[in-house]
PDB file of N, CA and C in Angstrom:
ATOM      1  N   MET A   1       0.809  -1.200   0.000  1.00  0.00           N
ATOM      2  CA  MET A   1       0.000   0.000   0.000  1.00  0.00           C
ATOM      3  C   MET A   1       0.853   1.264   0.000  1.00  0.00           C
ATOM      4  N   ALA A   2       1.967   1.209   0.633  1.00  0.00           N
ATOM      5  CA  ALA A   2       2.817   2.384   0.694  1.00  0.00           C
ATOM      6  C   ALA A   2       3.294   2.791  -0.691  1.00  0.00           C
ATOM      7  N   LYS A   3       3.526   1.814  -1.555  1.00  0.00           N
ATOM      8  CA  LYS A   3       3.975   2.126  -2.907  1.00  0.00           C
ATOM      9  C   LYS A   3       2.875   2.818  -3.699  1.00  0.00           C
ATOM     10  N   GLN A   4       1.626   2.435  -3.479  1.00  0.00           N
ATOM     11  CA  GLN A   4       0.522   3.069  -4.192  1.00  0.00           C
ATOM     12  C   GLN A   4       0.375   4.526  -3.789  1.00  0.00           C
ATOM     13  N   GLU A   5       0.566   4.838  -2.545  1.00  0.00           N
ATOM     14  CA  GLU A   5       0.469   6.218  -2.082  1.00  0.00           C
ATOM     15  C   GLU A   5       1.559   7.066  -2.712  1.00  0.00           C
ATOM     16  N   LYS A   6       2.758   6.523  -2.842  1.00  0.00           N
ATOM     17  CA  LYS A   6       3.852   7.274  -3.452  1.00  0.00           C
ATOM     18  C   LYS A   6       3.561   7.574  -4.915  1.00  0.00           C
ATOM     19  N   THR A   7       3.025   6.630  -5.640  1.00  0.00           N
ATOM     20  CA  THR A   7       2.725   6.869  -7.045  1.00  0.00           C
ATOM     21  C   THR A   7       1.600   7.889  -7.198  1.00  0.00           C
ATOM     22  N   GLU A   8       0.627   7.876  -6.298  1.00  0.00           N
ATOM     23  CA  GLU A   8      -0.448   8.846  -6.382  1.00  0.00           C
ATOM     24  C   GLU A   8       0.079  10.255  -6.115  1.00  0.00           C
ATOM     25  N   THR A   9       0.977  10.424  -5.167  1.00  0.00           N
ATOM     26  CA  THR A   9       1.511  11.756  -4.893  1.00  0.00           C
ATOM     27  C   THR A   9       2.405  12.223  -6.035  1.00  0.00           C
ATOM     28  N   SER A  10       3.129  11.312  -6.668  1.00  0.00           N
ATOM     29  CA  SER A  10       3.964  11.724  -7.790  1.00  0.00           C
ATOM     30  C   SER A  10       3.099  12.131  -8.979  1.00  0.00           C
ATOM     31  N   LYS A  11       1.931  11.483  -9.147  1.00  0.00           N
ATOM     32  CA  LYS A  11       1.004  11.885 -10.205  1.00  0.00           C
ATOM     33  C   LYS A  11       0.439  13.266  -9.919  1.00  0.00           C
ATOM     34  N   ASP A  12       0.147  13.531  -8.647  1.00  0.00           N
ATOM     35  CA  ASP A  12      -0.378  14.837  -8.271  1.00  0.00           C
ATOM     36  C   ASP A  12       0.644  15.927  -8.538  1.00  0.00           C
ATOM     37  N   LYS A  13       1.903  15.629  -8.323  1.00  0.00           N
ATOM     38  CA  LYS A  13       2.958  16.614  -8.576  1.00  0.00           C
ATOM     39  C   LYS A  13       3.177  16.808 -10.074  1.00  0.00           C
ATOM     40  N   ALA A  14       2.968  15.784 -10.863  1.00  0.00           N
ATOM     41  CA  ALA A  14       3.196  15.871 -12.302  1.00  0.00           C
ATOM     42  C   ALA A  14       2.101  16.678 -12.995  1.00  0.00           C
ATOM     43  N   THR A  15       0.901  16.678 -12.456  1.00  0.00           N
ATOM     44  CA  THR A  15      -0.216  17.367 -13.097  1.00  0.00           C
ATOM     45  C   THR A  15       0.041  18.866 -13.268  1.00  0.00           C
ATOM     46  N   PRO A  16       0.499  19.605 -12.263  1.00  0.00           N
ATOM     47  CA  PRO A  16       0.788  21.030 -12.479  1.00  0.00           C
ATOM     48  C   PRO A  16       1.913  21.244 -13.505  1.00  0.00           C
ATOM     49  N   ASP A  17       2.881  20.349 -13.541  1.00  0.00           N
ATOM     50  CA  ASP A  17       3.955  20.477 -14.523  1.00  0.00           C
ATOM     51  C   ASP A  17       3.411  20.313 -15.934  1.00  0.00           C
ATOM     52  N   ILE A  18       2.526  19.360 -16.119  1.00  0.00           N
ATOM     53  CA  ILE A  18       1.934  19.141 -17.433  1.00  0.00           C
ATOM     54  C   ILE A  18       1.083  20.343 -17.839  1.00  0.00           C
ATOM     55  N   GLU A  19       0.342  20.900 -16.897  1.00  0.00           N
ATOM     56  CA  GLU A  19      -0.470  22.084 -17.186  1.00  0.00           C
ATOM     57  C   GLU A  19       0.420  23.267 -17.559  1.00  0.00           C
ATOM     58  N   ARG A  20       1.535  23.440 -16.868  1.00  0.00           N
ATOM     59  CA  ARG A  20       2.462  24.526 -17.164  1.00  0.00           C
ATOM     60  C   ARG A  20       3.078  24.355 -18.556  1.00  0.00           C
ATOM     61  N   ILE A  21       3.439  23.133 -18.889  1.00  0.00           N
ATOM     62  CA  ILE A  21       4.006  22.857 -20.213  1.00  0.00           C
ATOM     63  C   ILE A  21       2.950  23.135 -21.288  1.00  0.00           C
ATOM     64  N   SER A  22       1.723  22.742 -21.028  1.00  0.00           N
ATOM     65  CA  SER A  22       0.635  22.985 -21.979  1.00  0.00           C
ATOM     66  C   SER A  22       0.422  24.490 -22.185  1.00  0.00           C
ATOM     67  N   GLN A  23       0.448  25.261 -21.104  1.00  0.00           N
ATOM     68  CA  GLN A  23       0.291  26.714 -21.211  1.00  0.00           C
ATOM     69  C   GLN A  23       1.436  27.332 -22.000  1.00  0.00           C
ATOM     70  N   ARG A  24       2.650  26.867 -21.755  1.00  0.00           N
ATOM     71  CA  ARG A  24       3.802  27.404 -22.474  1.00  0.00           C
ATOM     72  C   ARG A  24       3.755  27.049 -23.958  1.00  0.00           C
ATOM     73  N   LEU A  25       3.290  25.849 -24.287  1.00  0.00           N
ATOM     74  CA  LEU A  25       3.142  25.473 -25.690  1.00  0.00           C
ATOM     75  C   LEU A  25       2.087  26.335 -26.374  1.00  0.00           C
ATOM     76  N   ASP A  26       0.999  26.618 -25.676  1.00  0.00           N
ATOM     77  CA  ASP A  26      -0.028  27.503 -26.234  1.00  0.00           C
ATOM     78  C   ASP A  26       0.529  28.903 -26.473  1.00  0.00           C
ATOM     79  N   MET A  27       1.322  29.403 -25.515  1.00  0.00           N
ATOM     80  CA  MET A  27       1.925  30.723 -25.655  1.00  0.00           C
ATOM     81  C   MET A  27       2.901  30.747 -26.840  1.00  0.00           C
ATOM     82  N   LEU A  28       3.696  29.702 -26.985  1.00  0.00           N
ATOM     83  CA  LEU A  28       4.622  29.609 -28.103  1.00  0.00           C
ATOM     84  C   LEU A  28       3.867  29.551 -29.426  1.00  0.00           C
ATOM     85  N   ASP A  29       2.771  28.829 -29.464  1.00  0.00           N
ATOM     86  CA  ASP A  29       1.954  28.741 -30.672  1.00  0.00           C
ATOM     87  C   ASP A  29       1.416  30.111 -31.069  1.00  0.00           C
ATOM     88  N   ARG A  30       0.926  30.875 -30.088  1.00  0.00           N
ATOM     89  CA  ARG A  30       0.423  32.225 -30.378  1.00  0.00           C
ATOM     90  C   ARG A  30       1.539  33.119 -30.888  1.00  0.00           C
ATOM     91  N   ARG A  31       2.718  33.032 -30.292  1.00  0.00           N
ATOM     92  CA  ARG A  31       3.844  33.854 -30.746  1.00  0.00           C
ATOM     93  C   ARG A  31       4.250  33.500 -32.166  1.00  0.00           C
ATOM     94  N   LEU A  32       4.287  32.206 -32.481  1.00  0.00           N
ATOM     95  CA  LEU A  32       4.633  31.793 -33.840  1.00  0.00           C
ATOM     96  C   LEU A  32       3.581  32.276 -34.836  1.00  0.00           C
ATOM     97  N   ASP A  33       2.314  32.262 -34.450  1.00  0.00           N
ATOM     98  CA  ASP A  33       1.263  32.796 -35.318  1.00  0.00           C
ATOM     99  C   ASP A  33       1.477  34.284 -35.570  1.00  0.00           C
ATOM    100  N   ASN A  34       1.854  35.028 -34.539  1.00  0.00           N
ATOM    101  CA  ASN A  34       2.119  36.455 -34.692  1.00  0.00           C
ATOM    102  C   ASN A  34       3.312  36.702 -35.608  1.00  0.00           C
ATOM    103  N   VAL A  35       4.374  35.931 -35.438  1.00  0.00           N
ATOM    104  CA  VAL A  35       5.551  36.079 -36.302  1.00  0.00           C
ATOM    105  C   VAL A  35       5.177  35.764 -37.741  1.00  0.00           C
ATOM    106  N   ASP A  36       4.394  34.712 -37.938  1.00  0.00           N
ATOM    107  CA  ASP A  36       3.950  34.337 -39.284  1.00  0.00           C
ATOM    108  C   ASP A  36       3.151  35.464 -39.917  1.00  0.00           C
ATOM    109  N   SER A  37       2.290  36.094 -39.153  1.00  0.00           N
ATOM    110  CA  SER A  37       1.490  37.205 -39.677  1.00  0.00           C
ATOM    111  C   SER A  37       2.376  38.373 -40.085  1.00  0.00           C
ATOM    112  N   ILE A  38       3.366  38.684 -39.267  1.00  0.00           N
ATOM    113  CA  ILE A  38       4.263  39.796 -39.564  1.00  0.00           C
ATOM    114  C   ILE A  38       5.075  39.502 -40.825  1.00  0.00           C
ATOM    115  N   VAL A  39       5.605  38.302 -40.931  1.00  0.00           N
ATOM    116  CA  VAL A  39       6.394  37.932 -42.109  1.00  0.00           C
ATOM    117  C   VAL A  39       5.529  37.984 -43.367  1.00  0.00           C
ATOM    118  N   THR A  40       4.296  37.547 -43.261  1.00  0.00           N
ATOM    119  CA  THR A  40       3.387  37.579 -44.411  1.00  0.00           C
ATOM    120  C   THR A  40       3.133  39.009 -44.861  1.00  0.00           C
ATOM    121  N   VAL A  41       2.886  39.910 -43.917  1.00  0.00           N
ATOM    122  CA  VAL A  41       2.634  41.312 -44.259  1.00  0.00           C
ATOM    123  C   VAL A  41       3.862  41.926 -44.917  1.00  0.00           C
ATOM    124  N   VAL A  42       5.039  41.647 -44.387  1.00  0.00           N
ATOM    125  CA  VAL A  42       6.264  42.196 -44.974  1.00  0.00           C
ATOM    126  C   VAL A  42       6.474  41.649 -46.383  1.00  0.00           C
ATOM    127  N   ALA A  43       6.257  40.355 -46.564  1.00  0.00           N
ATOM    128  CA  ALA A  43       6.423  39.756 -47.892  1.00  0.00           C
ATOM    129  C   ALA A  43       5.440  40.358 -48.891  1.00  0.00           C
ATOM    130  N   GLU A  44       4.219  40.594 -48.474  1.00  0.00           N
ATOM    131  CA  GLU A  44       3.242  41.208 -49.372  1.00  0.00           C
ATOM    132  C   GLU A  44       3.655  42.614 -49.760  1.00  0.00           C
ATOM    133  N   ARG A  45       4.183  43.371 -48.816  1.00  0.00           N
ATOM    134  CA  ARG A  45       4.650  44.729 -49.135  1.00  0.00           C
ATOM    135  C   ARG A  45       5.829  44.690 -50.097  1.00  0.00           C
ATOM    136  N   VAL A  46       6.728  43.739 -49.892  1.00  0.00           N
ATOM    137  CA  VAL A  46       7.895  43.625 -50.759  1.00  0.00           C
ATOM    138  C   VAL A  46       7.460  43.274 -52.181  1.00  0.00           C
ATOM    139  N   MET A  47       6.470  42.422 -52.293  1.00  0.00           N
ATOM    140  CA  MET A  47       6.035  41.987 -53.611  1.00  0.00           C
ATOM    141  C   MET A  47       5.352  43.103 -54.400  1.00  0.00           C
ATOM    142  N   LYS A  48       4.963  44.183 -53.760  1.00  0.00           N
ATOM    143  CA  LYS A  48       4.285  45.283 -54.444  1.00  0.00           C
ATOM    144  C   LYS A  48       5.257  46.236 -55.139  1.00  0.00           C
ATOM    145  N   GLN A  49       6.520  46.211 -54.780  1.00  0.00           N
ATOM    146  CA  GLN A  49       7.461  47.191 -55.331  1.00  0.00           C
ATOM    147  C   GLN A  49       8.829  46.556 -55.531  1.00  0.00           C
ATOM    148  N   PRO A  50       9.607  47.098 -56.464  1.00  0.00           N
ATOM    149  CA  PRO A  50      10.949  46.548 -56.676  1.00  0.00           C
ATOM    150  C   PRO A  50      11.895  46.937 -55.536  1.00  0.00           C
ATOM    151  N   ILE A  51      12.838  46.060 -55.259  1.00  0.00           N
ATOM    152  CA  ILE A  51      13.822  46.303 -54.206  1.00  0.00           C
ATOM    153  C   ILE A  51      15.213  46.092 -54.790  1.00  0.00           C
ATOM    154  N   THR A  52      16.144  46.958 -54.436  1.00  0.00           N
ATOM    155  CA  THR A  52      17.522  46.804 -54.876  1.00  0.00           C
ATOM    156  C   THR A  52      18.419  46.689 -53.659  1.00  0.00           C
ATOM    157  N   LEU A  53      19.221  45.625 -53.622  1.00  0.00           N
ATOM    158  CA  LEU A  53      20.193  45.434 -52.553  1.00  0.00           C
ATOM    159  C   LEU A  53      21.576  45.773 -53.090  1.00  0.00           C
ATOM    160  N   SER A  54      22.296  46.601 -52.371  1.00  0.00           N
ATOM    161  CA  SER A  54      23.665  46.936 -52.760  1.00  0.00           C
ATOM    162  C   SER A  54      24.619  46.305 -51.757  1.00  0.00           C
ATOM    163  N   VAL A  55      25.546  45.489 -52.280  1.00  0.00           N
ATOM    164  CA  VAL A  55      26.509  44.802 -51.437  1.00  0.00           C
ATOM    165  C   VAL A  55      27.898  45.162 -51.922  1.00  0.00           C
ATOM    166  N   THR A  56      28.799  45.480 -50.982  1.00  0.00           N
ATOM    167  CA  THR A  56      30.176  45.789 -51.328  1.00  0.00           C
ATOM    168  C   THR A  56      31.068  44.629 -50.906  1.00  0.00           C
ATOM    169  N   CYS A  57      31.905  44.156 -51.850  1.00  0.00           N
ATOM    170  CA  CYS A  57      32.815  43.054 -51.564  1.00  0.00           C
ATOM    171  C   CYS A  57      33.867  43.518 -50.567  1.00  0.00           C
ATOM    172  N   SER A  58      34.079  42.732 -49.527  1.00  0.00           N
ATOM    173  CA  SER A  58      35.041  43.128 -48.490  1.00  0.00           C
ATOM    174  C   SER A  58      36.481  42.967 -48.972  1.00  0.00           C
ATOM    175  N   LYS A  59      36.739  42.155 -49.987  1.00  0.00           N
ATOM    176  CA  LYS A  59      38.110  41.940 -50.474  1.00  0.00           C
ATOM    177  C   LYS A  59      38.513  42.946 -51.541  1.00  0.00           C
ATOM    178  N   CYS A  60      37.669  43.103 -52.581  1.00  0.00           N
ATOM    179  CA  CYS A  60      38.063  43.968 -53.696  1.00  0.00           C
ATOM    180  C   CYS A  60      37.378  45.324 -53.672  1.00  0.00           C
ATOM    181  N   GLY A  61      36.327  45.497 -52.897  1.00  0.00           N
ATOM    182  CA  GLY A  61      35.635  46.770 -52.793  1.00  0.00           C
ATOM    183  C   GLY A  61      34.636  47.007 -53.913  1.00  0.00           C
ATOM    184  N   GLN A  62      34.434  46.034 -54.792  1.00  0.00           N
ATOM    185  CA  GLN A  62      33.490  46.188 -55.896  1.00  0.00           C
ATOM    186  C   GLN A  62      32.059  46.129 -55.368  1.00  0.00           C
ATOM    187  N   LYS A  63      31.214  46.992 -55.922  1.00  0.00           N
ATOM    188  CA  LYS A  63      29.819  47.027 -55.509  1.00  0.00           C
ATOM    189  C   LYS A  63      29.007  46.093 -56.394  1.00  0.00           C
ATOM    190  N   ILE A  64      28.117  45.344 -55.750  1.00  0.00           N
ATOM    191  CA  ILE A  64      27.233  44.425 -56.454  1.00  0.00           C
ATOM    192  C   ILE A  64      25.805  44.842 -56.136  1.00  0.00           C
ATOM    193  N   GLU A  65      24.996  45.002 -57.179  1.00  0.00           N
ATOM    194  CA  GLU A  65      23.592  45.346 -56.972  1.00  0.00           C
ATOM    195  C   GLU A  65      22.720  44.159 -57.358  1.00  0.00           C
ATOM    196  N   ILE A  66      21.788  43.848 -56.496  1.00  0.00           N
ATOM    197  CA  ILE A  66      20.852  42.761 -56.732  1.00  0.00           C
ATOM    198  C   ILE A  66      19.460  43.370 -56.741  1.00  0.00           C
ATOM    199  N   ALA A  67      18.751  43.220 -57.846  1.00  0.00           N
ATOM    200  CA  ALA A  67      17.401  43.773 -57.971  1.00  0.00           C
ATOM    201  C   ALA A  67      16.372  42.662 -57.833  1.00  0.00           C
ATOM    202  N   LEU A  68      15.397  42.896 -56.982  1.00  0.00           N
ATOM    203  CA  LEU A  68      14.287  41.960 -56.807  1.00  0.00           C
ATOM    204  C   LEU A  68      13.016  42.639 -57.312  1.00  0.00           C
ATOM    205  N   ILE A  69      12.387  41.988 -58.237  1.00  0.00           N
ATOM    206  CA  ILE A  69      11.146  42.541 -58.772  1.00  0.00           C
ATOM    207  C   ILE A  69      10.061  41.502 -58.544  1.00  0.00           C
ATOM    208  N   GLY A  70       9.015  41.921 -57.895  1.00  0.00           N
ATOM    209  CA  GLY A  70       7.921  40.993 -57.613  1.00  0.00           C
ATOM    210  C   GLY A  70       6.619  41.537 -58.124  1.00  0.00           C
ATOM    211  N   SER A  71       5.657  40.685 -58.208  1.00  0.00           N
ATOM    212  CA  SER A  71       4.313  41.138 -58.567  1.00  0.00           C
ATOM    213  C   SER A  71       3.377  40.767 -57.426  1.00  0.00           C
ATOM    214  N   GLU A  72       2.401  41.581 -57.236  1.00  0.00           N
ATOM    215  CA  GLU A  72       1.467  41.358 -56.120  1.00  0.00           C
ATOM    216  C   GLU A  72       0.605  40.141 -56.404  1.00  0.00           C
ATOM    217  N   LYS A  73       0.359  39.348 -55.372  1.00  0.00           N
ATOM    218  CA  LYS A  73      -0.505  38.188 -55.518  1.00  0.00           C
ATOM    219  C   LYS A  73      -1.949  38.642 -55.704  1.00  0.00           C
ATOM    220  N   PRO A  74      -2.693  37.910 -56.492  1.00  0.00           N
ATOM    221  CA  PRO A  74      -4.107  38.280 -56.607  1.00  0.00           C
ATOM    222  C   PRO A  74      -4.830  38.057 -55.280  1.00  0.00           C
ATOM    223  N   SER A  75      -5.709  38.945 -54.936  1.00  0.00           N
ATOM    224  CA  SER A  75      -6.477  38.820 -53.684  1.00  0.00           C
ATOM    225  C   SER A  75      -7.533  37.746 -53.844  1.00  0.00           C
ATOM    226  N   ARG A  76      -7.849  37.098 -52.733  1.00  0.00           N
ATOM    227  CA  ARG A  76      -8.874  36.043 -52.764  1.00  0.00           C
ATOM    228  C   ARG A  76     -10.232  36.613 -52.592  1.00  0.00           C
TER     229      ARG A  76
END
């Protein structure tokens, strides 16, 4: 009987830990949803206009320009 009491108390202690982990996973899920929304908005803005990146080579000093041209996605 003593062993059964020990297992019951260990289960009682594990329950708050599981609830805390569940809450943290929910919080992480909400944060990832927010990040996804922000990235989507930025990508949509980028696709509306051309972007030029200028990079300078650290060895020779030559400038390299990279142009990105996108088209806006059709709205649903």
